[in-house]
PDB file of N, CA and C in Angstrom:
ATOM      1  N   MET A   1       0.846  -1.165   0.000  1.00  0.00           N
ATOM      2  CA  MET A   1       0.000   0.000   0.000  1.00  0.00           C
ATOM      3  C   MET A   1       0.897   1.236   0.000  1.00  0.00           C
ATOM      4  N   ALA A   2       0.651   2.168  -0.877  1.00  0.00           N
ATOM      5  CA  ALA A   2       1.447   3.384  -0.981  1.00  0.00           C
ATOM      6  C   ALA A   2       0.961   4.419   0.016  1.00  0.00           C
ATOM      7  N   THR A   3       1.902   5.167   0.561  1.00  0.00           N
ATOM      8  CA  THR A   3       1.527   6.220   1.493  1.00  0.00           C
ATOM      9  C   THR A   3       1.657   7.566   0.789  1.00  0.00           C
ATOM     10  N   THR A   4       0.847   8.493   1.183  1.00  0.00           N
ATOM     11  CA  THR A   4       0.904   9.835   0.622  1.00  0.00           C
ATOM     12  C   THR A   4       1.241  10.809   1.725  1.00  0.00           C
ATOM     13  N   THR A   5       1.902  11.876   1.348  1.00  0.00           N
ATOM     14  CA  THR A   5       2.239  12.897   2.330  1.00  0.00           C
ATOM     15  C   THR A   5       1.381  14.117   2.079  1.00  0.00           C
ATOM     16  N   SER A   6       1.087  14.793   3.121  1.00  0.00           N
ATOM     17  CA  SER A   6       0.246  15.973   3.038  1.00  0.00           C
ATOM     18  C   SER A   6       1.064  17.218   3.353  1.00  0.00           C
ATOM     19  N   LEU A   7       0.779  18.286   2.652  1.00  0.00           N
ATOM     20  CA  LEU A   7       1.439  19.555   2.915  1.00  0.00           C
ATOM     21  C   LEU A   7       0.646  20.419   3.887  1.00  0.00           C
ATOM     22  N   ALA A   8      -0.421  19.880   4.436  1.00  0.00           N
ATOM     23  CA  ALA A   8      -1.303  20.668   5.290  1.00  0.00           C
ATOM     24  C   ALA A   8      -0.600  21.147   6.551  1.00  0.00           C
ATOM     25  N   GLY A   9       0.365  20.404   7.065  1.00  0.00           N
ATOM     26  CA  GLY A   9       1.030  20.765   8.310  1.00  0.00           C
ATOM     27  C   GLY A   9       2.153  21.768   8.133  1.00  0.00           C
ATOM     28  N   ARG A  10       2.468  22.141   6.926  1.00  0.00           N
ATOM     29  CA  ARG A  10       3.580  23.065   6.690  1.00  0.00           C
ATOM     30  C   ARG A  10       3.075  24.496   6.607  1.00  0.00           C
ATOM     31  N   SER A  11       3.892  25.399   7.112  1.00  0.00           N
ATOM     32  CA  SER A  11       3.483  26.799   7.117  1.00  0.00           C
ATOM     33  C   SER A  11       4.175  27.578   6.014  1.00  0.00           C
ATOM     34  N   GLY A  12       3.487  28.537   5.457  1.00  0.00           N
ATOM     35  CA  GLY A  12       4.089  29.451   4.503  1.00  0.00           C
ATOM     36  C   GLY A  12       4.419  28.835   3.152  1.00  0.00           C
ATOM     37  N   GLY A  13       3.903  27.668   2.847  1.00  0.00           N
ATOM     38  CA  GLY A  13       4.141  27.059   1.555  1.00  0.00           C
ATOM     39  C   GLY A  13       5.555  26.544   1.366  1.00  0.00           C
ATOM     40  N   GLU A  14       6.286  26.276   2.451  1.00  0.00           N
ATOM     41  CA  GLU A  14       7.654  25.768   2.337  1.00  0.00           C
ATOM     42  C   GLU A  14       7.620  24.344   1.815  1.00  0.00           C
ATOM     43  N   ARG A  15       8.564  24.034   0.942  1.00  0.00           N
ATOM     44  CA  ARG A  15       8.689  22.694   0.400  1.00  0.00           C
ATOM     45  C   ARG A  15      10.101  22.198   0.653  1.00  0.00           C
ATOM     46  N   ASP A  16      10.261  20.892   0.700  1.00  0.00           N
ATOM     47  CA  ASP A  16      11.601  20.322   0.838  1.00  0.00           C
ATOM     48  C   ASP A  16      12.401  20.649  -0.404  1.00  0.00           C
ATOM     49  N   GLY A  17      13.633  21.084  -0.230  1.00  0.00           N
ATOM     50  CA  GLY A  17      14.495  21.404  -1.354  1.00  0.00           C
ATOM     51  C   GLY A  17      14.262  22.783  -1.943  1.00  0.00           C
ATOM     52  N   ALA A  18      13.363  23.542  -1.383  1.00  0.00           N
ATOM     53  CA  ALA A  18      13.096  24.884  -1.904  1.00  0.00           C
ATOM     54  C   ALA A  18      14.216  25.830  -1.468  1.00  0.00           C
ATOM     55  N   LEU A  19      14.521  26.790  -2.313  1.00  0.00           N
ATOM     56  CA  LEU A  19      15.534  27.781  -1.963  1.00  0.00           C
ATOM     57  C   LEU A  19      14.973  28.738  -0.925  1.00  0.00           C
ATOM     58  N   ARG A  20      15.774  29.036   0.059  1.00  0.00           N
ATOM     59  CA  ARG A  20      15.369  29.990   1.093  1.00  0.00           C
ATOM     60  C   ARG A  20      16.368  31.138   1.081  1.00  0.00           C
ATOM     61  N   PHE A  21      15.898  32.331   0.793  1.00  0.00           N
ATOM     62  CA  PHE A  21      16.771  33.486   0.709  1.00  0.00           C
ATOM     63  C   PHE A  21      16.699  34.290   1.997  1.00  0.00           C
ATOM     64  N   SER A  22      17.857  34.715   2.462  1.00  0.00           N
ATOM     65  CA  SER A  22      17.937  35.513   3.682  1.00  0.00           C
ATOM     66  C   SER A  22      18.491  36.895   3.327  1.00  0.00           C
ATOM     67  N   TRP A  23      18.705  37.703   4.353  1.00  0.00           N
ATOM     68  CA  TRP A  23      19.288  39.035   4.136  1.00  0.00           C
ATOM     69  C   TRP A  23      20.717  38.925   3.627  1.00  0.00           C
ATOM     70  N   GLN A  24      21.422  37.877   4.031  1.00  0.00           N
ATOM     71  CA  GLN A  24      22.786  37.666   3.562  1.00  0.00           C
ATOM     72  C   GLN A  24      22.788  37.403   2.048  1.00  0.00           C
ATOM     73  N   ASN A  25      21.831  36.611   1.581  1.00  0.00           N
ATOM     74  CA  ASN A  25      21.727  36.362   0.146  1.00  0.00           C
ATOM     75  C   ASN A  25      21.428  37.652  -0.607  1.00  0.00           C
ATOM     76  N   LEU A  26      20.536  38.449  -0.062  1.00  0.00           N
ATOM     77  CA  LEU A  26      20.180  39.701  -0.706  1.00  0.00           C
ATOM     78  C   LEU A  26      21.367  40.661  -0.756  1.00  0.00           C
ATOM     79  N   ALA A  27      22.129  40.729   0.322  1.00  0.00           N
ATOM     80  CA  ALA A  27      23.305  41.605   0.356  1.00  0.00           C
ATOM     81  C   ALA A  27      24.349  41.148  -0.660  1.00  0.00           C
ATOM     82  N   LEU A  28      24.565  39.841  -0.772  1.00  0.00           N
ATOM     83  CA  LEU A  28      25.520  39.325  -1.757  1.00  0.00           C
ATOM     84  C   LEU A  28      25.035  39.584  -3.182  1.00  0.00           C
ATOM     85  N   LEU A  29      23.734  39.461  -3.407  1.00  0.00           N
ATOM     86  CA  LEU A  29      23.181  39.727  -4.734  1.00  0.00           C
ATOM     87  C   LEU A  29      23.339  41.194  -5.107  1.00  0.00           C
ATOM     88  N   VAL A  30      23.074  42.086  -4.174  1.00  0.00           N
ATOM     89  CA  VAL A  30      23.242  43.518  -4.438  1.00  0.00           C
ATOM     90  C   VAL A  30      24.711  43.840  -4.700  1.00  0.00           C
ATOM     91  N   ALA A  31      25.609  43.251  -3.915  1.00  0.00           N
ATOM     92  CA  ALA A  31      27.045  43.471  -4.132  1.00  0.00           C
ATOM     93  C   ALA A  31      27.470  42.955  -5.506  1.00  0.00           C
ATOM     94  N   ALA A  32      26.939  41.814  -5.923  1.00  0.00           N
ATOM     95  CA  ALA A  32      27.259  41.274  -7.239  1.00  0.00           C
ATOM     96  C   ALA A  32      26.772  42.202  -8.337  1.00  0.00           C
ATOM     97  N   LEU A  33      25.549  42.704  -8.204  1.00  0.00           N
ATOM     98  CA  LEU A  33      25.014  43.611  -9.221  1.00  0.00           C
ATOM     99  C   LEU A  33      25.791  44.914  -9.290  1.00  0.00           C
ATOM    100  N   VAL A  34      26.206  45.431  -8.141  1.00  0.00           N
ATOM    101  CA  VAL A  34      27.007  46.659  -8.119  1.00  0.00           C
ATOM    102  C   VAL A  34      28.353  46.420  -8.793  1.00  0.00           C
ATOM    103  N   ALA A  35      28.993  45.289  -8.497  1.00  0.00           N
ATOM    104  CA  ALA A  35      30.285  44.977  -9.107  1.00  0.00           C
ATOM    105  C   ALA A  35      30.147  44.802 -10.616  1.00  0.00           C
ATOM    106  N   ILE A  36      29.081  44.165 -11.060  1.00  0.00           N
ATOM    107  CA  ILE A  36      28.878  43.950 -12.495  1.00  0.00           C
ATOM    108  C   ILE A  36      28.616  45.263 -13.215  1.00  0.00           C
ATOM    109  N   VAL A  37      27.749  46.098 -12.673  1.00  0.00           N
ATOM    110  CA  VAL A  37      27.447  47.390 -13.303  1.00  0.00           C
ATOM    111  C   VAL A  37      28.688  48.276 -13.312  1.00  0.00           C
ATOM    112  N   ALA A  38      29.431  48.308 -12.201  1.00  0.00           N
ATOM    113  CA  ALA A  38      30.656  49.101 -12.151  1.00  0.00           C
ATOM    114  C   ALA A  38      31.687  48.566 -13.138  1.00  0.00           C
ATOM    115  N   GLY A  39      31.761  47.254 -13.282  1.00  0.00           N
ATOM    116  CA  GLY A  39      32.692  46.659 -14.228  1.00  0.00           C
ATOM    117  C   GLY A  39      32.373  47.038 -15.660  1.00  0.00           C
ATOM    118  N   PHE A  40      31.095  46.990 -16.023  1.00  0.00           N
ATOM    119  CA  PHE A  40      30.717  47.378 -17.382  1.00  0.00           C
ATOM    120  C   PHE A  40      30.909  48.875 -17.607  1.00  0.00           C
ATOM    121  N   ALA A  41      30.660  49.683 -16.580  1.00  0.00           N
ATOM    122  CA  ALA A  41      30.877  51.127 -16.713  1.00  0.00           C
ATOM    123  C   ALA A  41      32.361  51.427 -16.925  1.00  0.00           C
ATOM    124  N   LEU A  42      33.214  50.767 -16.167  1.00  0.00           N
ATOM    125  CA  LEU A  42      34.653  50.956 -16.352  1.00  0.00           C
ATOM    126  C   LEU A  42      35.122  50.415 -17.700  1.00  0.00           C
ATOM    127  N   LEU A  43      34.521  49.330 -18.153  1.00  0.00           N
ATOM    128  CA  LEU A  43      34.867  48.758 -19.446  1.00  0.00           C
ATOM    129  C   LEU A  43      34.504  49.710 -20.576  1.00  0.00           C
ATOM    130  N   ALA A  44      33.375  50.371 -20.444  1.00  0.00           N
ATOM    131  CA  ALA A  44      32.969  51.352 -21.452  1.00  0.00           C
ATOM    132  C   ALA A  44      33.908  52.556 -21.447  1.00  0.00           C
ATOM    133  N   GLY A  45      34.501  52.850 -20.298  1.00  0.00           N
ATOM    134  CA  GLY A  45      35.433  53.960 -20.190  1.00  0.00           C
ATOM    135  C   GLY A  45      36.841  53.629 -20.627  1.00  0.00           C
ATOM    136  N   GLY A  46      37.094  52.364 -20.938  1.00  0.00           N
ATOM    137  CA  GLY A  46      38.403  51.991 -21.442  1.00  0.00           C
ATOM    138  C   GLY A  46      39.330  51.344 -20.438  1.00  0.00           C
ATOM    139  N   SER A  47      38.850  51.014 -19.267  1.00  0.00           N
ATOM    140  CA  SER A  47      39.692  50.371 -18.263  1.00  0.00           C
ATOM    141  C   SER A  47      40.021  48.946 -18.696  1.00  0.00           C
ATOM    142  N   THR A  48      41.299  48.595 -18.606  1.00  0.00           N
ATOM    143  CA  THR A  48      41.697  47.244 -18.995  1.00  0.00           C
ATOM    144  C   THR A  48      42.106  46.391 -17.803  1.00  0.00           C
ATOM    145  N   THR A  49      42.121  46.969 -16.605  1.00  0.00           N
ATOM    146  CA  THR A  49      42.529  46.205 -15.430  1.00  0.00           C
ATOM    147  C   THR A  49      41.378  46.041 -14.434  1.00  0.00           C
ATOM    148  N   ALA A  50      40.792  47.137 -14.024  1.00  0.00           N
ATOM    149  CA  ALA A  50      39.762  47.088 -12.988  1.00  0.00           C
ATOM    150  C   ALA A  50      38.459  46.479 -13.500  1.00  0.00           C
ATOM    151  N   ALA A  51      38.103  46.782 -14.741  1.00  0.00           N
ATOM    152  CA  ALA A  51      36.832  46.289 -15.279  1.00  0.00           C
ATOM    153  C   ALA A  51      36.757  44.764 -15.304  1.00  0.00           C
ATOM    154  N   PRO A  52      37.740  44.073 -15.873  1.00  0.00           N
ATOM    155  CA  PRO A  52      37.658  42.607 -15.859  1.00  0.00           C
ATOM    156  C   PRO A  52      37.683  42.007 -14.449  1.00  0.00           C
ATOM    157  N   LEU A  53      38.427  42.625 -13.553  1.00  0.00           N
ATOM    158  CA  LEU A  53      38.458  42.128 -12.179  1.00  0.00           C
ATOM    159  C   LEU A  53      37.090  42.250 -11.510  1.00  0.00           C
ATOM    160  N   LEU A  54      36.430  43.379 -11.705  1.00  0.00           N
ATOM    161  CA  LEU A  54      35.101  43.564 -11.124  1.00  0.00           C
ATOM    162  C   LEU A  54      34.081  42.622 -11.754  1.00  0.00           C
ATOM    163  N   LEU A  55      34.178  42.400 -13.054  1.00  0.00           N
ATOM    164  CA  LEU A  55      33.245  41.500 -13.715  1.00  0.00           C
ATOM    165  C   LEU A  55      33.433  40.056 -13.253  1.00  0.00           C
ATOM    166  N   VAL A  56      34.665  39.630 -13.125  1.00  0.00           N
ATOM    167  CA  VAL A  56      34.928  38.277 -12.622  1.00  0.00           C
ATOM    168  C   VAL A  56      34.453  38.161 -11.177  1.00  0.00           C
ATOM    169  N   LEU A  57      34.727  39.166 -10.361  1.00  0.00           N
ATOM    170  CA  LEU A  57      34.269  39.162  -8.977  1.00  0.00           C
ATOM    171  C   LEU A  57      32.748  39.044  -8.912  1.00  0.00           C
ATOM    172  N   GLY A  58      32.060  39.814  -9.741  1.00  0.00           N
ATOM    173  CA  GLY A  58      30.595  39.789  -9.723  1.00  0.00           C
ATOM    174  C   GLY A  58      30.011  38.486 -10.226  1.00  0.00           C
ATOM    175  N   TYR A  59      30.488  38.026 -11.407  1.00  0.00           N
ATOM    176  CA  TYR A  59      29.899  36.844 -12.036  1.00  0.00           C
ATOM    177  C   TYR A  59      30.375  35.520 -11.444  1.00  0.00           C
ATOM    178  N   VAL A  60      31.640  35.434 -11.072  1.00  0.00           N
ATOM    179  CA  VAL A  60      32.206  34.141 -10.679  1.00  0.00           C
ATOM    180  C   VAL A  60      32.202  33.935  -9.164  1.00  0.00           C
ATOM    181  N   VAL A  61      32.281  35.020  -8.406  1.00  0.00           N
ATOM    182  CA  VAL A  61      32.369  34.880  -6.950  1.00  0.00           C
ATOM    183  C   VAL A  61      31.056  35.256  -6.262  1.00  0.00           C
ATOM    184  N   LEU A  62      30.642  36.498  -6.419  1.00  0.00           N
ATOM    185  CA  LEU A  62      29.508  36.998  -5.629  1.00  0.00           C
ATOM    186  C   LEU A  62      28.157  36.439  -6.055  1.00  0.00           C
ATOM    187  N   LEU A  63      27.897  36.355  -7.347  1.00  0.00           N
ATOM    188  CA  LEU A  63      26.607  35.854  -7.806  1.00  0.00           C
ATOM    189  C   LEU A  63      26.374  34.403  -7.409  1.00  0.00           C
ATOM    190  N   PRO A  64      27.341  33.489  -7.609  1.00  0.00           N
ATOM    191  CA  PRO A  64      27.118  32.128  -7.110  1.00  0.00           C
ATOM    192  C   PRO A  64      26.967  32.051  -5.592  1.00  0.00           C
ATOM    193  N   LEU A  65      27.729  32.870  -4.862  1.00  0.00           N
ATOM    194  CA  LEU A  65      27.565  32.881  -3.401  1.00  0.00           C
ATOM    195  C   LEU A  65      26.174  33.340  -3.001  1.00  0.00           C
ATOM    196  N   ALA A  66      25.626  34.303  -3.727  1.00  0.00           N
ATOM    197  CA  ALA A  66      24.287  34.800  -3.416  1.00  0.00           C
ATOM    198  C   ALA A  66      23.241  33.717  -3.656  1.00  0.00           C
ATOM    199  N   ILE A  67      23.499  32.822  -4.592  1.00  0.00           N
ATOM    200  CA  ILE A  67      22.531  31.779  -4.908  1.00  0.00           C
ATOM    201  C   ILE A  67      22.622  30.604  -3.931  1.00  0.00           C
ATOM    202  N   ILE A  68      23.840  30.180  -3.588  1.00  0.00           N
ATOM    203  CA  ILE A  68      23.978  28.953  -2.811  1.00  0.00           C
ATOM    204  C   ILE A  68      24.043  29.154  -1.311  1.00  0.00           C
ATOM    205  N   ARG A  69      24.259  30.363  -0.819  1.00  0.00           N
ATOM    206  CA  ARG A  69      24.334  30.574   0.627  1.00  0.00           C
ATOM    207  C   ARG A  69      22.984  30.768   1.222  1.00  0.00           C
TER     208      ARG A  69
END
């Protein structure tokens, strides 16, 4: 006989495996967006050192941290 589970006892529509975002995630996401926008602004201005560093920081470090933390 198969058993079924009910979601009636859970509050706020939480599901197992669902992403839960906190203030830390939001702060990391904002920092990533600021770094990315600043990187593109510097890139448009002709920067060859700071722009790529900011873009890598935003896309490779901060954005994934904002998603998985």
